[in-house]
Protein backbone atom coordinates (compact mmCIF):
# COMPACT_ATOMS: atom_id res chain seq x y z
CA MET A 1 87.16 88.59 78.51
CA SER A 2 86.92 86.43 81.69
CA ASP A 3 84.91 87.43 84.77
CA TYR A 4 88.20 87.89 86.67
CA SER A 5 89.50 90.10 83.90
CA PHE A 6 86.40 92.17 83.72
CA THR A 7 86.32 92.61 87.45
CA PHE A 8 89.91 93.72 87.57
CA THR A 9 89.25 96.26 84.76
CA LEU A 10 86.42 97.63 86.76
CA LEU A 11 88.48 97.81 89.93
CA PHE A 12 91.40 99.46 88.08
CA CYS A 13 88.98 102.12 86.61
CA ALA A 14 87.32 102.70 90.00
CA VAL A 15 90.59 103.22 91.83
CA LEU A 16 91.91 105.55 89.09
CA VAL A 17 88.71 107.68 89.14
CA LEU A 18 88.60 107.73 92.94
CA GLY A 19 92.31 108.63 93.23
CA LEU A 20 91.76 111.47 90.69
CA LEU A 21 88.78 112.76 92.56
CA VAL A 22 90.71 112.77 95.84
CA ARG A 23 93.72 114.50 94.30
CA PHE A 24 91.66 117.16 92.67
CA TYR A 25 89.75 117.74 95.89
CA LEU A 26 92.91 118.09 97.90
CA ALA A 27 94.61 120.35 95.33
CA SER A 28 91.50 122.52 95.17
CA ARG A 29 91.44 122.88 98.96
CA GLN A 30 95.12 123.84 98.92
CA ILE A 31 94.61 126.46 96.22
CA ARG A 32 91.64 128.02 97.96
CA HIS A 33 93.16 128.05 101.36
CA VAL A 34 96.50 129.53 100.36
CA ALA A 35 94.76 132.16 98.16
CA ALA A 36 92.39 133.06 101.00
CA HIS A 37 95.27 133.85 103.32
CA ARG A 38 97.41 135.59 100.83
CA GLY A 39 96.62 139.08 101.99
CA ALA A 40 98.19 139.05 105.44
CA VAL A 41 101.17 137.39 107.07
CA PRO A 42 100.14 135.11 110.01
CA ALA A 43 100.58 136.85 113.28
CA ALA A 44 103.26 134.39 114.47
CA PHE A 45 105.44 135.35 111.54
CA ALA A 46 104.62 139.03 111.17
CA ALA A 47 107.90 140.19 112.78
CA THR A 48 110.10 137.99 110.55
CA ILE A 49 108.42 137.47 107.20
CA SER A 50 107.50 140.42 105.01
CA LEU A 51 104.18 140.67 103.17
CA ASP A 52 105.94 140.52 99.82
CA ALA A 53 107.68 137.26 100.83
CA HIS A 54 104.48 135.76 102.10
CA GLN A 55 102.63 136.64 98.89
CA LYS A 56 105.40 135.35 96.72
CA ALA A 57 105.20 131.99 98.59
CA ALA A 58 101.47 131.90 98.17
CA ASP A 59 101.60 132.64 94.41
CA TYR A 60 104.32 130.10 93.97
CA THR A 61 102.30 127.43 95.82
CA VAL A 62 99.07 128.16 93.93
CA THR A 63 100.93 128.23 90.55
CA LYS A 64 102.57 124.84 91.26
CA ALA A 65 99.34 123.36 92.49
CA ARG A 66 97.37 124.48 89.34
CA PHE A 67 100.11 123.11 87.10
CA GLY A 68 99.94 119.90 89.11
CA LEU A 69 96.31 119.55 88.24
CA LEU A 70 97.15 119.68 84.58
CA GLU A 71 99.93 117.05 85.05
CA MET A 72 97.51 114.88 86.97
CA ALA A 73 94.91 114.96 84.24
CA PHE A 74 97.47 114.26 81.60
CA GLY A 75 99.01 111.43 83.54
CA ALA A 76 95.67 109.74 84.05
CA ALA A 77 94.76 110.00 80.35
CA LEU A 78 98.21 108.65 79.38
CA LEU A 79 97.84 105.74 81.81
CA LEU A 80 94.50 104.82 80.14
CA CYS A 81 96.14 105.15 76.70
CA TRP A 82 98.98 102.83 77.69
CA THR A 83 96.67 100.25 79.32
CA LEU A 84 93.02 99.91 78.52
CA LEU A 85 93.26 101.73 75.15
CA GLY A 86 95.95 99.40 73.97
CA GLY A 87 99.27 101.36 73.89
CA ILE A 88 101.33 98.78 75.62
CA ASP A 89 99.70 95.97 73.68
CA VAL A 90 100.51 97.65 70.38
CA LEU A 91 104.11 98.35 71.48
CA ASN A 92 104.55 94.76 72.69
CA ARG A 93 103.16 93.34 69.36
CA ALA A 94 105.44 95.62 67.35
CA ILE A 95 108.53 94.47 69.26
CA ALA A 96 107.47 90.84 68.98
CA ALA A 97 107.21 91.29 65.20
CA SER A 98 110.61 93.03 64.91
CA GLY A 99 112.74 89.90 65.00
CA LEU A 100 114.57 90.84 68.19
CA ALA A 101 113.69 87.40 69.59
CA ALA A 102 116.45 85.99 67.43
CA TYR A 103 118.99 87.50 69.79
CA GLY A 104 117.51 85.88 72.95
CA SER A 105 114.42 86.15 75.05
CA LEU A 106 115.85 88.95 77.15
CA VAL A 107 116.47 91.36 74.26
CA PRO A 108 112.83 91.97 73.24
CA GLN A 109 111.80 92.31 76.83
CA LEU A 110 114.52 94.90 77.56
CA ALA A 111 113.49 96.66 74.32
CA LEU A 112 109.85 96.88 75.51
CA LEU A 113 110.91 98.52 78.78
CA ALA A 114 113.50 100.79 77.11
CA VAL A 115 111.09 102.01 74.43
CA PHE A 116 108.35 102.55 76.93
CA GLY A 117 110.71 104.57 79.13
CA LEU A 118 111.90 106.60 76.19
CA VAL A 119 108.38 107.43 74.88
CA SER A 120 107.14 108.25 78.40
CA GLY A 121 110.11 110.54 78.91
CA VAL A 122 109.54 112.40 75.63
CA LEU A 123 105.87 112.85 76.52
CA ASP A 124 106.82 114.27 79.93
CA LEU A 125 109.30 116.75 78.49
CA PRO A 126 106.90 119.61 77.90
CA PHE A 127 105.87 119.56 81.55
CA THR A 128 109.45 119.36 82.77
CA LEU A 129 110.48 122.30 80.47
CA TYR A 130 107.52 124.44 81.56
CA SER A 131 108.06 123.77 85.27
CA THR A 132 111.80 124.64 84.98
CA PHE A 133 111.86 127.47 82.49
CA SER A 134 108.52 129.08 83.17
CA ILE A 135 107.39 128.52 86.78
CA GLU A 136 110.81 128.26 88.41
CA GLU A 137 112.12 131.00 86.25
CA ARG A 138 109.16 133.29 86.98
CA PHE A 139 109.73 133.06 90.74
CA GLY A 140 113.48 133.48 90.52
CA PHE A 141 114.54 129.93 91.32
CA ASN A 142 115.78 128.48 88.13
CA LYS A 143 119.51 129.11 87.36
CA MET A 144 119.96 126.67 84.60
CA SER A 145 120.55 127.39 80.95
CA PHE A 146 118.80 125.17 78.40
CA LYS A 147 122.23 123.78 77.53
CA LEU A 148 122.87 122.63 81.10
CA TRP A 149 119.35 121.20 81.39
CA LEU A 150 119.95 119.26 78.15
CA ALA A 151 123.33 118.03 79.41
CA ASP A 152 121.73 116.85 82.61
CA MET A 153 119.02 115.06 80.75
CA VAL A 154 121.47 113.22 78.45
CA LYS A 155 123.77 112.24 81.42
CA GLY A 156 120.66 111.02 83.32
CA VAL A 157 119.57 108.78 80.52
CA LEU A 158 123.06 107.39 80.07
CA VAL A 159 123.48 106.74 83.83
CA GLY A 160 120.02 105.20 83.92
CA ALA A 161 120.92 102.90 81.09
CA VAL A 162 124.35 101.92 82.36
CA VAL A 163 123.09 101.34 85.96
CA GLY A 164 119.50 100.37 85.39
CA LEU A 165 119.56 97.96 82.36
CA PRO A 166 121.83 95.38 83.95
CA VAL A 167 119.75 95.12 87.13
CA ILE A 168 116.52 94.94 85.11
CA ALA A 169 118.03 92.30 82.88
CA LEU A 170 118.99 90.31 86.08
CA ILE A 171 115.46 90.60 87.38
CA LEU A 172 113.91 89.43 84.11
CA TRP A 173 116.35 86.55 83.96
CA LEU A 174 115.43 85.50 87.46
CA MET A 175 111.68 85.79 86.56
CA GLY A 176 112.26 83.34 83.67
CA SER A 177 114.83 81.02 85.24
CA ALA A 178 114.61 80.91 88.97
CA GLY A 179 111.42 78.97 89.32
CA ARG A 180 108.48 79.56 91.58
CA TRP A 181 110.39 81.52 94.19
CA TRP A 182 112.03 83.79 91.61
CA TRP A 183 110.58 86.88 93.35
CA LEU A 184 112.56 86.19 96.55
CA TRP A 185 115.82 86.07 94.62
CA ALA A 186 114.85 89.18 92.65
CA TRP A 187 114.01 91.04 95.89
CA GLY A 188 117.43 90.12 97.27
CA SER A 189 119.14 91.33 94.07
CA TRP A 190 117.12 94.58 94.14
CA MET A 191 118.06 95.23 97.77
CA GLY A 192 121.69 94.56 97.10
CA PHE A 193 121.58 96.94 94.16
CA ASN A 194 120.00 99.75 96.30
CA LEU A 195 122.63 99.33 98.99
CA LEU A 196 125.40 99.45 96.38
CA VAL A 197 123.97 102.63 94.94
CA LEU A 198 123.93 104.22 98.42
CA VAL A 199 127.67 103.51 98.75
CA LEU A 200 128.56 104.58 95.15
CA TYR A 201 126.29 107.53 94.76
CA PRO A 202 128.42 110.13 96.67
CA THR A 203 131.67 109.38 94.84
CA VAL A 204 130.64 108.09 91.49
CA ILE A 205 127.23 109.30 90.41
CA ALA A 206 126.68 112.67 92.07
CA PRO A 207 129.92 114.13 90.77
CA LEU A 208 128.71 113.59 87.17
CA PHE A 209 126.09 116.33 87.78
CA ASN A 210 127.54 118.67 90.37
CA LYS A 211 130.96 119.75 91.63
CA PHE A 212 131.84 119.00 95.23
CA LYS A 213 134.62 120.79 97.01
CA PRO A 214 135.76 120.38 100.64
CA LEU A 215 134.28 122.95 103.06
CA ASP A 216 137.04 125.61 103.28
CA ASP A 217 135.51 127.91 105.91
CA GLU A 218 137.66 127.03 108.91
CA VAL A 219 135.39 128.67 111.43
CA LEU A 220 132.36 126.79 110.19
CA LYS A 221 134.37 123.57 109.75
CA THR A 222 135.54 123.75 113.41
CA ARG A 223 131.97 124.31 114.60
CA VAL A 224 130.56 121.51 112.49
CA THR A 225 133.29 119.04 113.48
CA ALA A 226 132.83 119.80 117.09
CA LEU A 227 129.05 119.24 116.80
CA MET A 228 129.51 116.01 115.10
CA GLN A 229 132.01 114.77 117.65
CA ARG A 230 129.65 115.88 120.43
CA CYS A 231 126.86 113.85 118.75
CA GLY A 232 129.10 110.81 118.18
CA PHE A 233 128.83 111.01 114.44
CA ALA A 234 131.55 110.30 111.91
CA ALA A 235 131.53 111.29 108.22
CA LYS A 236 134.09 110.94 105.48
CA GLY A 237 134.10 114.61 104.73
CA LEU A 238 132.34 118.01 104.66
CA PHE A 239 131.58 119.20 101.16
CA VAL A 240 130.00 122.13 99.44
CA MET A 241 127.91 121.45 96.32
CA ASP A 242 127.38 124.02 93.52
CA GLY A 243 123.61 123.84 93.83
CA SER A 244 123.37 127.49 92.64
CA LYS A 245 124.16 126.70 89.08
CA ARG A 246 120.71 125.00 88.83
CA SER A 247 118.45 126.56 91.46
CA ALA A 248 118.23 129.14 94.18
CA HIS A 249 116.68 126.61 96.49
CA ALA A 250 118.86 125.81 99.51
CA ASN A 251 119.48 122.53 101.28
CA ALA A 252 121.87 120.32 103.21
CA TYR A 253 121.98 116.54 103.38
CA PHE A 254 123.82 113.46 104.27
CA THR A 255 124.62 111.02 101.50
CA GLY A 256 126.21 107.59 101.36
CA PHE A 257 126.00 104.60 103.61
CA GLY A 258 128.19 103.23 106.41
CA ALA A 259 131.72 104.56 106.19
CA ALA A 260 130.93 106.36 102.92
CA LYS A 261 128.68 108.93 104.56
CA ARG A 262 129.29 112.53 103.67
CA VAL A 263 127.87 115.83 104.77
CA VAL A 264 126.96 118.05 101.85
CA PHE A 265 125.98 121.74 102.04
CA TYR A 266 124.43 123.58 99.04
CA ASP A 267 126.45 126.71 98.37
CA THR A 268 123.04 128.57 98.52
CA LEU A 269 122.49 127.38 102.07
CA LEU A 270 125.89 128.68 103.27
CA LYS A 271 125.18 132.11 101.72
CA GLN A 272 121.82 132.38 103.49
CA LEU A 273 122.61 131.04 107.04
CA ASN A 274 125.10 132.11 109.63
CA PRO A 275 127.36 129.57 111.33
CA GLY A 276 125.07 128.97 114.25
CA GLU A 277 122.11 128.42 111.98
CA VAL A 278 124.13 126.01 109.82
CA ASP A 279 125.02 124.18 113.05
CA ALA A 280 121.32 123.88 113.95
CA VAL A 281 120.34 122.59 110.49
CA LEU A 282 123.10 119.99 110.65
CA ALA A 283 122.08 118.98 114.21
CA HIS A 284 118.58 118.36 112.80
CA GLU A 285 119.98 115.99 110.19
CA LEU A 286 122.08 114.34 112.94
CA GLY A 287 118.85 113.86 114.83
CA HIS A 288 117.58 111.54 112.07
CA PHE A 289 120.56 109.31 112.55
CA LYS A 290 120.37 109.53 116.38
CA HIS A 291 116.78 108.27 116.31
CA LYS A 292 117.62 105.70 113.64
CA HIS A 293 115.17 107.19 111.14
CA ILE A 294 117.41 106.30 108.22
CA ILE A 295 117.66 102.68 109.27
CA LYS A 296 113.94 102.52 109.93
CA ARG A 297 113.26 103.82 106.40
CA ILE A 298 115.65 101.37 104.82
CA VAL A 299 114.06 98.45 106.74
CA SER A 300 110.50 99.69 105.75
CA MET A 301 111.66 99.96 102.13
CA PHE A 302 113.02 96.39 102.38
CA ALA A 303 109.69 95.15 103.76
CA MET A 304 107.51 96.98 101.26
CA SER A 305 109.65 95.86 98.33
CA LEU A 306 109.48 92.28 99.54
CA ALA A 307 105.72 92.50 99.61
CA GLY A 308 105.73 94.07 96.13
CA PHE A 309 107.93 91.38 94.69
CA ALA A 310 105.67 88.71 96.27
CA LEU A 311 102.61 90.36 94.82
CA LEU A 312 104.27 90.60 91.37
CA GLY A 313 105.21 86.92 91.64
CA TRP A 314 101.56 85.98 91.96
CA LEU A 315 100.09 88.48 89.51
CA SER A 316 102.58 87.61 86.75
CA SER A 317 101.07 84.16 86.59
CA GLN A 318 97.49 85.42 86.24
CA ILE A 319 96.11 85.88 82.75
CA TRP A 320 93.43 88.22 83.97
CA PHE A 321 96.11 90.64 85.23
CA TYR A 322 97.23 91.21 81.66
CA THR A 323 93.90 91.15 79.88
CA GLY A 324 92.23 93.25 82.60
CA LEU A 325 94.77 96.01 81.76
CA GLY A 326 94.16 95.79 77.96
CA VAL A 327 97.17 93.68 77.09
CA ARG A 328 97.26 90.24 75.34
CA PRO A 329 100.04 88.16 76.91
CA ASN A 330 102.53 86.55 74.53
CA MET A 331 101.57 83.05 73.71
CA THR A 332 104.98 81.88 72.48
CA GLY A 333 107.31 84.34 74.25
CA ALA A 334 108.02 85.54 77.77
CA ASN A 335 105.71 87.91 79.55
CA ASP A 336 108.01 88.90 82.36
CA ALA A 337 108.68 92.44 81.08
CA LEU A 338 104.94 92.91 80.46
CA ALA A 339 104.21 91.89 84.09
CA LEU A 340 106.79 94.15 85.49
CA LEU A 341 105.66 97.12 83.37
CA LEU A 342 101.92 96.69 84.17
CA PHE A 343 102.68 96.28 87.82
CA MET A 344 104.70 99.48 87.99
CA LEU A 345 101.88 101.35 86.22
CA ALA A 346 99.10 99.96 88.39
CA ILE A 347 100.55 99.74 91.88
CA PRO A 348 100.84 103.54 92.47
CA LEU A 349 97.09 103.85 91.99
CA PHE A 350 96.46 101.61 95.02
CA SER A 351 99.39 102.71 97.20
CA PHE A 352 98.23 106.35 96.85
CA PHE A 353 95.57 105.70 99.53
CA ILE A 354 98.08 104.61 102.19
CA SER A 355 100.48 107.47 101.51
CA PRO A 356 99.07 109.64 104.37
CA VAL A 357 100.32 107.01 106.83
CA PHE A 358 103.87 107.39 105.62
CA ALA A 359 103.54 111.16 105.48
CA GLN A 360 102.41 111.21 109.08
CA LEU A 361 105.36 109.04 110.15
CA SER A 362 107.78 111.32 108.20
CA ARG A 363 106.38 114.41 110.04
CA LYS A 364 106.81 112.60 113.31
CA HIS A 365 110.47 111.97 112.52
CA GLU A 366 110.95 115.66 111.64
CA PHE A 367 109.60 116.72 115.02
CA GLU A 368 111.96 114.30 116.73
CA ALA A 369 114.93 115.58 114.75
CA ASP A 370 114.00 119.16 115.66
CA ALA A 371 113.87 118.31 119.35
CA TYR A 372 117.36 116.67 119.03
CA ALA A 373 118.73 119.78 117.30
CA ILE A 374 117.39 122.00 120.08
CA SER A 375 119.11 119.78 122.67
CA GLN A 376 122.44 120.05 120.86
CA THR A 377 122.41 123.62 119.61
CA ASP A 378 120.76 126.90 120.30
CA GLY A 379 117.05 126.35 119.49
CA ARG A 380 116.76 130.02 118.31
CA ASP A 381 119.32 129.35 115.64
CA LEU A 382 117.15 126.47 114.38
CA GLN A 383 114.05 128.59 114.51
CA SER A 384 115.68 131.42 112.51
CA ALA A 385 117.25 129.02 110.03
CA LEU A 386 113.89 127.41 109.34
CA LEU A 387 112.28 130.76 108.82
CA LYS A 388 115.01 131.76 106.31
CA LEU A 389 114.66 128.52 104.49
CA TYR A 390 110.81 128.72 104.35
CA LYS A 391 111.16 132.27 103.00
CA ASP A 392 113.94 131.62 100.53
CA ASN A 393 112.32 128.45 99.18
CA ALA A 394 108.91 130.22 98.99
CA SER A 395 107.20 127.65 101.13
CA THR A 396 103.76 128.77 102.06
CA LEU A 397 103.07 129.58 105.77
CA THR A 398 99.35 128.83 105.34
CA PRO A 399 98.89 125.38 103.77
CA ASP A 400 95.55 123.68 103.90
CA PRO A 401 95.46 121.33 106.97
CA VAL A 402 93.85 118.45 105.13
CA PHE A 403 96.39 118.74 102.24
CA VAL A 404 99.16 118.72 104.84
CA LYS A 405 97.84 115.48 106.44
CA PHE A 406 97.85 113.81 103.07
CA TYR A 407 100.98 115.03 101.41
CA TYR A 408 103.45 116.87 103.63
CA SER A 409 106.44 114.85 104.65
CA HIS A 410 107.73 117.84 106.64
CA PRO A 411 105.45 119.76 109.09
CA PRO A 412 104.39 123.22 108.06
CA ALA A 413 106.25 126.20 109.65
CA SER A 414 103.54 126.98 112.14
CA GLU A 415 103.52 123.43 113.58
CA ARG A 416 107.31 123.17 113.71
CA LEU A 417 107.76 126.51 115.46
CA SER A 418 104.86 125.97 117.91
CA ARG A 419 106.50 122.64 118.94
CA MET A 420 109.83 124.46 119.57
CA THR A 421 108.30 127.24 121.60
CA PRO A 422 108.02 125.41 124.97
CA ALA A 423 111.58 124.20 124.67
CA LEU A 424 112.87 127.67 123.80
CA GLU A 425 110.92 129.36 126.61
CA GLY A 426 112.42 126.85 129.05
CA ALA A 427 115.94 127.32 127.82
CA ALA A 428 118.35 129.57 129.62
CA PRO A 429 118.64 133.04 128.10
């Protein structure tokens, strides 16, 4: 093992251990903080949230956090098994000896990625099943039968294969054929693929998993249409999704890109909120478009993926990158799939430490969208809608502040409502 390889192995282990320690520390803080405030509803919410609802949210949060600790430990152990303990190396050698190279250089590389994905998915199944049919079931959120869950999984695998394998094959081909600047062509192809998915998802992919029907509540439709016209927003349609067949959680979202944008309401959301509250939630989403948050996120995704492909372009030519992660590169075959796989396994360890920056930016965007919603609708409707959603989704009202800074993409209820209070107090009665 070269000095570079040994140094990279030490760096990989150090970042893995440090990341685990930080994650365990944050999760432990969250568990202790939420449990310590379980006994009483915060004063600001005492008139609107019952003690039972508050305690349910606390128990749900603590249960998920404890389960997350187990997933975290298993994920770290599995990562070590795949890398330094030789799992990927064994898998790569087995595929190299299988004779698949006779069908072309791309076939064994795609086989490596496909088998890795299949094995990883199987190993993750116990956690997914327990989360869905134990935790979500216990707290009254899961509405799926095992048959529906299995059907979703099969469809997900098939869609992933049909959509994902061609683009992966294209990237691998570019890695092997496009010369020194292959990563720039691969980045362009990847961005084009993502934009295509944004266009096709609402009408081609999403209907494979859920039923979408046009919003038929004429009163609500009139209100929503008037709001969108007032905000200068055009969508291809207003739809209701049968989210209740899988979960009791409620949501609303925009999907699509450009002229293909749609407004989608979960049926659970429409059951829980009155028309004014639905207006306010929609106005919040419109606020993201008004402030160009979606465009900013797409641009940032473009920039980060460009940096990622450039880094991969350099690392893929470094022998120490492979050997430092416990893999012997192929001496007679291509190593492009190996490089891609190792990169996807290693990069999250390093990017974890900058995630609070993006979480902070996301919370800032949420505050801006709230302010826009208050300017376009009755702020009291937004306030009551958020309280209902926090309650019905069992979101804790007392998260740990440090945990929030690191992980929360949306501000906790106390921060959102305190930001709204001055605007509501200044509004006309």
